[in-house]
C-alpha atoms as a PDB file:
ATOM      1  CA  MET A   1       0.975  90.914  97.516  1.00  0.00           C
ATOM      2  CA  ASN A   2       1.116  94.608  97.106  1.00  0.00           C
ATOM      3  CA  HIS A   3       4.066  96.859  97.429  1.00  0.00           C
ATOM      4  CA  THR A   4       3.538  98.040 100.844  1.00  0.00           C
ATOM      5  CA  LEU A   5       2.694  94.566 102.256  1.00  0.00           C
ATOM      6  CA  ARG A   6       5.853  93.221 100.353  1.00  0.00           C
ATOM      7  CA  SER A   7       7.855  95.929 101.833  1.00  0.00           C
ATOM      8  CA  ILE A   8       6.785  95.190 105.407  1.00  0.00           C
ATOM      9  CA  THR A   9       7.307  91.464 104.788  1.00  0.00           C
ATOM     10  CA  LEU A  10      10.789  91.934 103.574  1.00  0.00           C
ATOM     11  CA  ALA A  11      11.758  94.248 106.490  1.00  0.00           C
ATOM     12  CA  LEU A  12      10.352  91.747 109.024  1.00  0.00           C
ATOM     13  CA  THR A  13      12.424  89.076 107.250  1.00  0.00           C
ATOM     14  CA  CYS A  14      15.659  91.159 107.388  1.00  0.00           C
ATOM     15  CA  VAL A  15      15.158  91.869 111.104  1.00  0.00           C
ATOM     16  CA  ALA A  16      14.408  88.327 111.810  1.00  0.00           C
ATOM     17  CA  SER A  17      17.738  87.341 110.390  1.00  0.00           C
ATOM     18  CA  LEU A  18      19.740  89.752 112.635  1.00  0.00           C
ATOM     19  CA  SER A  19      20.522  89.195 116.236  1.00  0.00           C
ATOM     20  CA  ALA A  20      17.376  89.937 118.336  1.00  0.00           C
ATOM     21  CA  ASN A  21      19.718  90.360 121.500  1.00  0.00           C
ATOM     22  CA  ALA A  22      20.231  93.445 123.388  1.00  0.00           C
ATOM     23  CA  ASP A  23      23.600  95.218 123.644  1.00  0.00           C
ATOM     24  CA  PRO A  24      26.145  92.522 123.655  1.00  0.00           C
ATOM     25  CA  LYS A  25      27.798  93.971 126.853  1.00  0.00           C
ATOM     26  CA  THR A  26      24.474  93.863 128.752  1.00  0.00           C
ATOM     27  CA  PRO A  27      21.904  91.140 128.493  1.00  0.00           C
ATOM     28  CA  GLY A  28      18.308  92.083 128.270  1.00  0.00           C
ATOM     29  CA  THR A  29      15.886  91.576 131.116  1.00  0.00           C
ATOM     30  CA  HIS A  30      12.596  91.736 129.158  1.00  0.00           C
ATOM     31  CA  LYS A  31      11.457  90.564 125.857  1.00  0.00           C
ATOM     32  CA  GLY A  32      11.385  93.890 124.120  1.00  0.00           C
ATOM     33  CA  TYR A  33       9.929  95.002 120.621  1.00  0.00           C
ATOM     34  CA  SER A  34      11.353  96.742 117.699  1.00  0.00           C
ATOM     35  CA  THR A  35       9.733  99.612 116.216  1.00  0.00           C
ATOM     36  CA  ILE A  36       8.702  97.291 113.344  1.00  0.00           C
ATOM     37  CA  ASP A  37       7.045  95.018 115.678  1.00  0.00           C
ATOM     38  CA  MET A  38       5.179  97.772 117.448  1.00  0.00           C
ATOM     39  CA  THR A  39       4.021  99.356 114.086  1.00  0.00           C
ATOM     40  CA  THR A  40       2.812  95.954 112.677  1.00  0.00           C
ATOM     41  CA  ALA A  41       1.349  94.306 115.670  1.00  0.00           C
ATOM     42  CA  GLY A  42       0.493  97.237 117.740  1.00  0.00           C
ATOM     43  CA  MET A  43       1.683  98.399 121.220  1.00  0.00           C
ATOM     44  CA  PRO A  44       2.312  95.393 123.488  1.00  0.00           C
ATOM     45  CA  ALA A  45       0.736  95.585 127.037  1.00  0.00           C
ATOM     46  CA  ASP A  46       4.119  94.690 128.818  1.00  0.00           C
ATOM     47  CA  VAL A  47       6.047  97.757 127.622  1.00  0.00           C
ATOM     48  CA  LYS A  48       5.901 100.854 129.843  1.00  0.00           C
ATOM     49  CA  MET A  49       4.607 103.436 127.458  1.00  0.00           C
ATOM     50  CA  ILE A  50       4.528 107.052 128.458  1.00  0.00           C
ATOM     51  CA  SER A  51       3.931 110.471 126.576  1.00  0.00           C
ATOM     52  CA  VAL A  52       5.527 113.822 127.021  1.00  0.00           C
ATOM     53  CA  ALA A  53       2.450 114.951 128.803  1.00  0.00           C
ATOM     54  CA  ASP A  54       2.909 112.174 131.193  1.00  0.00           C
ATOM     55  CA  ILE A  55       6.471 113.208 131.927  1.00  0.00           C
ATOM     56  CA  LYS A  56       5.498 116.843 132.280  1.00  0.00           C
ATOM     57  CA  LYS A  57       2.693 115.980 134.775  1.00  0.00           C
ATOM     58  CA  GLU A  58       5.403 113.848 136.737  1.00  0.00           C
ATOM     59  CA  LEU A  59       7.790 116.720 136.955  1.00  0.00           C
ATOM     60  CA  GLN A  60       5.331 119.214 138.121  1.00  0.00           C
ATOM     61  CA  GLY A  61       6.531 121.086 141.186  1.00  0.00           C
ATOM     62  CA  LYS A  62      10.083 119.757 140.872  1.00  0.00           C
ATOM     63  CA  ALA A  63      13.053 122.057 140.518  1.00  0.00           C
ATOM     64  CA  PRO A  64      14.805 122.229 137.185  1.00  0.00           C
ATOM     65  CA  PHE A  65      17.673 119.858 136.427  1.00  0.00           C
ATOM     66  CA  ALA A  66      19.617 118.649 133.616  1.00  0.00           C
ATOM     67  CA  VAL A  67      18.414 116.336 130.759  1.00  0.00           C
ATOM     68  CA  GLY A  68      20.282 114.801 127.964  1.00  0.00           C
ATOM     69  CA  LEU A  69      19.522 113.642 124.572  1.00  0.00           C
ATOM     70  CA  ASP A  70      21.256 111.380 122.033  1.00  0.00           C
ATOM     71  CA  ILE A  71      21.401 112.892 118.465  1.00  0.00           C
ATOM     72  CA  ASP A  72      21.050 110.098 115.753  1.00  0.00           C
ATOM     73  CA  ASP A  73      17.534 108.532 115.579  1.00  0.00           C
ATOM     74  CA  THR A  74      16.634 110.386 118.869  1.00  0.00           C
ATOM     75  CA  SER A  75      16.907 114.185 118.106  1.00  0.00           C
ATOM     76  CA  LEU A  76      17.445 113.801 114.359  1.00  0.00           C
ATOM     77  CA  PHE A  77      16.574 111.341 111.632  1.00  0.00           C
ATOM     78  CA  SER A  78      19.971 111.263 110.180  1.00  0.00           C
ATOM     79  CA  THR A  79      19.849 108.389 107.917  1.00  0.00           C
ATOM     80  CA  PRO A  80      20.398 110.689 104.773  1.00  0.00           C
ATOM     81  CA  VAL A  81      23.782 111.643 106.326  1.00  0.00           C
ATOM     82  CA  PHE A  82      24.947 108.096 106.913  1.00  0.00           C
ATOM     83  CA  TYR A  83      23.547 106.725 103.686  1.00  0.00           C
ATOM     84  CA  ARG A  84      25.439 109.444 101.732  1.00  0.00           C
ATOM     85  CA  GLY A  85      28.571 108.694 103.854  1.00  0.00           C
ATOM     86  CA  GLN A  86      28.499 105.034 103.036  1.00  0.00           C
ATOM     87  CA  GLN A  87      27.986 105.616  99.395  1.00  0.00           C
ATOM     88  CA  GLU A  88      30.889 108.001  99.209  1.00  0.00           C
ATOM     89  CA  PHE A  89      33.386 106.378 101.345  1.00  0.00           C
ATOM     90  CA  SER A  90      32.637 102.483 101.576  1.00  0.00           C
ATOM     91  CA  PRO A  91      29.855 101.216  99.419  1.00  0.00           C
ATOM     92  CA  ASN A  92      28.275  98.230 100.662  1.00  0.00           C
ATOM     93  CA  GLY A  93      30.425  98.336 103.762  1.00  0.00           C
ATOM     94  CA  TYR A  94      30.787 100.016 107.199  1.00  0.00           C
ATOM     95  CA  SER A  95      34.485 101.122 107.131  1.00  0.00           C
ATOM     96  CA  TYR A  96      33.295 104.659 106.721  1.00  0.00           C
ATOM     97  CA  LEU A  97      32.484 104.880 110.369  1.00  0.00           C
ATOM     98  CA  SER A  98      36.096 104.699 111.123  1.00  0.00           C
ATOM     99  CA  ASN A  99      37.025 107.312 108.447  1.00  0.00           C
ATOM    100  CA  GLN A 100      37.570 110.852 109.899  1.00  0.00           C
ATOM    101  CA  ASP A 101      36.823 112.227 106.615  1.00  0.00           C
ATOM    102  CA  PHE A 102      33.199 110.935 106.913  1.00  0.00           C
ATOM    103  CA  TRP A 103      32.777 112.458 110.289  1.00  0.00           C
ATOM    104  CA  ASP A 104      34.070 115.758 109.186  1.00  0.00           C
ATOM    105  CA  LYS A 105      31.559 115.754 106.425  1.00  0.00           C
ATOM    106  CA  ALA A 106      28.723 114.700 108.820  1.00  0.00           C
ATOM    107  CA  ASN A 107      29.463 117.144 111.549  1.00  0.00           C
ATOM    108  CA  CYS A 108      30.450 120.049 109.619  1.00  0.00           C
ATOM    109  CA  GLY A 109      27.714 120.497 107.097  1.00  0.00           C
ATOM    110  CA  TRP A 110      25.772 117.256 106.077  1.00  0.00           C
ATOM    111  CA  ASP A 111      23.630 117.590 109.172  1.00  0.00           C
ATOM    112  CA  ALA A 112      21.728 120.075 107.234  1.00  0.00           C
ATOM    113  CA  PHE A 113      20.027 117.147 105.589  1.00  0.00           C
ATOM    114  CA  SER A 114      19.103 115.639 109.041  1.00  0.00           C
ATOM    115  CA  MET A 115      15.390 115.875 109.943  1.00  0.00           C
ATOM    116  CA  PRO A 116      14.531 117.039 113.423  1.00  0.00           C
ATOM    117  CA  LYS A 117      12.340 114.489 115.030  1.00  0.00           C
ATOM    118  CA  ASN A 118       8.754 115.671 116.152  1.00  0.00           C
ATOM    119  CA  ILE A 119       9.156 113.869 119.520  1.00  0.00           C
ATOM    120  CA  ALA A 120      12.458 115.824 120.281  1.00  0.00           C
ATOM    121  CA  LYS A 121      10.802 118.992 119.492  1.00  0.00           C
ATOM    122  CA  GLU A 122       7.996 118.157 121.992  1.00  0.00           C
ATOM    123  CA  LEU A 123      10.461 116.932 124.517  1.00  0.00           C
ATOM    124  CA  ILE A 124      12.745 119.957 124.310  1.00  0.00           C
ATOM    125  CA  ALA A 125       9.951 122.517 124.509  1.00  0.00           C
ATOM    126  CA  MET A 126       8.483 120.801 127.525  1.00  0.00           C
ATOM    127  CA  HIS A 127      11.854 120.762 129.397  1.00  0.00           C
ATOM    128  CA  GLN A 128      12.887 124.214 128.387  1.00  0.00           C
ATOM    129  CA  GLU A 129       9.510 125.493 129.626  1.00  0.00           C
ATOM    130  CA  ARG A 130      10.398 123.959 133.113  1.00  0.00           C
ATOM    131  CA  GLY A 131      13.737 125.583 132.964  1.00  0.00           C
ATOM    132  CA  ASP A 132      15.767 122.489 132.555  1.00  0.00           C
ATOM    133  CA  SER A 133      19.318 122.433 131.014  1.00  0.00           C
ATOM    134  CA  ILE A 134      19.589 120.573 127.771  1.00  0.00           C
ATOM    135  CA  TYR A 135      22.716 118.455 126.853  1.00  0.00           C
ATOM    136  CA  PHE A 136      23.207 116.471 123.612  1.00  0.00           C
ATOM    137  CA  ILE A 137      25.618 113.538 123.926  1.00  0.00           C
ATOM    138  CA  THR A 138      26.383 111.636 120.830  1.00  0.00           C
ATOM    139  CA  GLY A 139      28.453 108.409 120.132  1.00  0.00           C
ATOM    140  CA  ARG A 140      29.844 110.169 117.064  1.00  0.00           C
ATOM    141  CA  THR A 141      33.518 110.742 116.539  1.00  0.00           C
ATOM    142  CA  GLY A 142      33.976 114.673 116.852  1.00  0.00           C
ATOM    143  CA  SER A 143      35.312 117.138 114.383  1.00  0.00           C
ATOM    144  CA  ASP A 144      36.847 120.528 114.510  1.00  0.00           C
ATOM    145  CA  CYS A 145      33.766 122.528 113.856  1.00  0.00           C
ATOM    146  CA  ASN A 146      30.443 123.696 115.371  1.00  0.00           C
ATOM    147  CA  PHE A 147      28.118 123.087 112.636  1.00  0.00           C
ATOM    148  CA  THR A 148      25.981 120.448 114.444  1.00  0.00           C
ATOM    149  CA  THR A 149      25.779 122.448 117.544  1.00  0.00           C
ATOM    150  CA  GLU A 150      24.418 125.408 115.728  1.00  0.00           C
ATOM    151  CA  TYR A 151      22.090 123.275 113.733  1.00  0.00           C
ATOM    152  CA  LEU A 152      20.547 121.677 116.795  1.00  0.00           C
ATOM    153  CA  LYS A 153      20.254 125.174 118.540  1.00  0.00           C
ATOM    154  CA  LYS A 154      18.277 126.488 115.597  1.00  0.00           C
ATOM    155  CA  ALA A 155      16.148 123.484 114.807  1.00  0.00           C
ATOM    156  CA  PHE A 156      15.066 123.177 118.471  1.00  0.00           C
ATOM    157  CA  ASP A 157      15.142 126.841 119.384  1.00  0.00           C
ATOM    158  CA  ILE A 158      17.490 126.091 122.415  1.00  0.00           C
ATOM    159  CA  LYS A 159      17.695 129.126 124.622  1.00  0.00           C
ATOM    160  CA  ASP A 160      21.065 128.216 126.523  1.00  0.00           C
ATOM    161  CA  MET A 161      22.927 125.899 124.128  1.00  0.00           C
ATOM    162  CA  HIS A 162      25.757 123.800 125.369  1.00  0.00           C
ATOM    163  CA  ASP A 163      28.129 122.490 122.903  1.00  0.00           C
ATOM    164  CA  VAL A 164      27.380 118.994 121.600  1.00  0.00           C
ATOM    165  CA  ILE A 165      29.458 116.304 123.520  1.00  0.00           C
ATOM    166  CA  PHE A 166      31.072 113.838 121.188  1.00  0.00           C
ATOM    167  CA  ALA A 167      31.567 110.799 123.350  1.00  0.00           C
ATOM    168  CA  GLY A 168      32.733 108.530 120.638  1.00  0.00           C
ATOM    169  CA  SER A 169      32.119 104.777 120.641  1.00  0.00           C
ATOM    170  CA  SER A 170      33.692 101.835 122.126  1.00  0.00           C
ATOM    171  CA  ARG A 171      33.197  97.957 122.103  1.00  0.00           C
ATOM    172  CA  THR A 172      34.224  97.783 125.693  1.00  0.00           C
ATOM    173  CA  GLU A 173      32.609 100.603 127.648  1.00  0.00           C
ATOM    174  CA  TYR A 174      29.798 102.843 127.596  1.00  0.00           C
ATOM    175  CA  THR A 175      31.459 106.188 126.644  1.00  0.00           C
ATOM    176  CA  LYS A 176      28.369 108.306 127.432  1.00  0.00           C
ATOM    177  CA  THR A 177      28.285 107.362 131.041  1.00  0.00           C
ATOM    178  CA  LYS A 178      30.934 109.769 132.259  1.00  0.00           C
ATOM    179  CA  TYR A 179      29.422 112.826 130.590  1.00  0.00           C
ATOM    180  CA  ILE A 180      25.940 111.964 131.858  1.00  0.00           C
ATOM    181  CA  LYS A 181      27.464 111.838 135.281  1.00  0.00           C
ATOM    182  CA  GLU A 182      29.642 114.879 135.016  1.00  0.00           C
ATOM    183  CA  ASN A 183      26.785 117.017 133.891  1.00  0.00           C
ATOM    184  CA  ASP A 184      24.479 115.757 136.641  1.00  0.00           C
ATOM    185  CA  ILE A 185      21.910 114.646 134.066  1.00  0.00           C
ATOM    186  CA  LYS A 186      18.845 113.100 135.609  1.00  0.00           C
ATOM    187  CA  MET A 187      16.911 112.040 132.596  1.00  0.00           C
ATOM    188  CA  TYR A 188      18.495 110.889 129.372  1.00  0.00           C
ATOM    189  CA  TYR A 189      16.593 110.051 126.092  1.00  0.00           C
ATOM    190  CA  GLY A 190      18.060 107.712 123.549  1.00  0.00           C
ATOM    191  CA  ASP A 191      17.077 105.074 120.973  1.00  0.00           C
ATOM    192  CA  ALA A 192      20.025 102.628 121.493  1.00  0.00           C
ATOM    193  CA  ASP A 193      20.425 100.009 124.112  1.00  0.00           C
ATOM    194  CA  GLY A 194      23.653 101.711 125.013  1.00  0.00           C
ATOM    195  CA  ASP A 195      21.829 104.885 125.758  1.00  0.00           C
ATOM    196  CA  ILE A 196      19.588 103.202 128.439  1.00  0.00           C
ATOM    197  CA  ILE A 197      22.452 101.409 130.013  1.00  0.00           C
ATOM    198  CA  SER A 198      24.676 104.584 129.874  1.00  0.00           C
ATOM    199  CA  ALA A 199      22.139 106.394 131.919  1.00  0.00           C
ATOM    200  CA  ARG A 200      21.477 103.939 134.429  1.00  0.00           C
ATOM    201  CA  ASN A 201      25.165 103.416 135.058  1.00  0.00           C
ATOM    202  CA  ALA A 202      25.460 107.246 135.661  1.00  0.00           C
ATOM    203  CA  GLY A 203      22.599 107.081 138.206  1.00  0.00           C
ATOM    204  CA  ALA A 204      20.028 108.682 135.660  1.00  0.00           C
ATOM    205  CA  GLU A 205      16.866 107.303 134.126  1.00  0.00           C
ATOM    206  CA  GLY A 206      17.352 106.296 130.551  1.00  0.00           C
ATOM    207  CA  ILE A 207      14.007 106.737 128.416  1.00  0.00           C
ATOM    208  CA  ARG A 208      13.806 105.037 125.089  1.00  0.00           C
ATOM    209  CA  VAL A 209      12.887 106.855 122.012  1.00  0.00           C
ATOM    210  CA  MET A 210      11.892 104.475 119.308  1.00  0.00           C
ATOM    211  CA  ARG A 211      14.137 104.294 116.231  1.00  0.00           C
ATOM    212  CA  ALA A 212      12.281 104.755 112.942  1.00  0.00           C
ATOM    213  CA  ALA A 213      11.708 101.430 111.092  1.00  0.00           C
ATOM    214  CA  ASN A 214      13.385 102.979 108.011  1.00  0.00           C
ATOM    215  CA  SER A 215      16.577 104.049 109.780  1.00  0.00           C
ATOM    216  CA  SER A 216      19.781 102.729 108.181  1.00  0.00           C
ATOM    217  CA  TYR A 217      21.075 101.846 111.668  1.00  0.00           C
ATOM    218  CA  LYS A 218      20.135  98.196 111.906  1.00  0.00           C
ATOM    219  CA  PRO A 219      19.160  96.143 113.769  1.00  0.00           C
ATOM    220  CA  ILE A 220      16.251  97.975 115.001  1.00  0.00           C
ATOM    221  CA  PRO A 221      16.463  97.984 118.816  1.00  0.00           C
ATOM    222  CA  LYS A 222      13.856  96.074 121.049  1.00  0.00           C
ATOM    223  CA  ASN A 223      12.143  98.782 122.874  1.00  0.00           C
ATOM    224  CA  GLY A 224      11.577  97.909 126.542  1.00  0.00           C
ATOM    225  CA  ILE A 225      14.194  95.145 126.511  1.00  0.00           C
ATOM    226  CA  TYR A 226      15.451  96.601 129.780  1.00  0.00           C
ATOM    227  CA  GLY A 227      12.119  97.247 131.419  1.00  0.00           C
ATOM    228  CA  GLU A 228      12.776 101.041 130.613  1.00  0.00           C
ATOM    229  CA  ARG A 229       9.957 103.399 129.920  1.00  0.00           C
ATOM    230  CA  VAL A 230       9.252 103.988 126.172  1.00  0.00           C
ATOM    231  CA  LEU A 231       7.982 107.290 124.537  1.00  0.00           C
ATOM    232  CA  LYS A 232       4.864 106.958 122.670  1.00  0.00           C
ATOM    233  CA  ASP A 233       4.904 108.059 118.988  1.00  0.00           C
ATOM    234  CA  SER A 234       8.648 108.677 119.146  1.00  0.00           C
ATOM    235  CA  GLN A 235       9.434 106.771 115.956  1.00  0.00           C
ATOM    236  CA  TYR A 236       9.305 110.160 114.103  1.00  0.00           C
END
């Protein structure tokens, strides 16, 4: 078995050992497929796949409106930030996610090591061309700095940048919902199950961006598990 095949087999084994369920607060309605599934077995016929070009065509003639994007694994491949945080603050554990010192590092400088995703560049360029307003809403814990806002503005050439909204996380509620609703966002792009549900709860459409198979954020979500539309080639 070569190195590549061994790596794929190991990845599939690890995913299989984890829960295949959707967000624990909201049961899935469809089978759903992880990015790993879709990379190794091809695109399943029962997932509603769309492209940026499809969305652009669909929106032709419609007035500009507000759209939202998640940050981690949607707009940015930020695994380097979270990997570094874990190594520094809680090796082999996840308590670093409750450590404000980590979030201050991540939000106030370490995002310089986050890679903008190509799909986010395409989406934002298309929506800005239409005159749509762009909002970034993240489940991160906020910090007293403006680095991530400025980084996203530069990385995606945002013309009218709004400050990043740090919604925080909760085990009992979808924290992004109220911000999607408050800003009258009609379409929200995200990689997590909670992104899709948060959007729907706010009366918006949640569109799935595929999480990269090598993301440190495990388990990899099952794309299409809520019957949502999934962006083609959005894993990078």
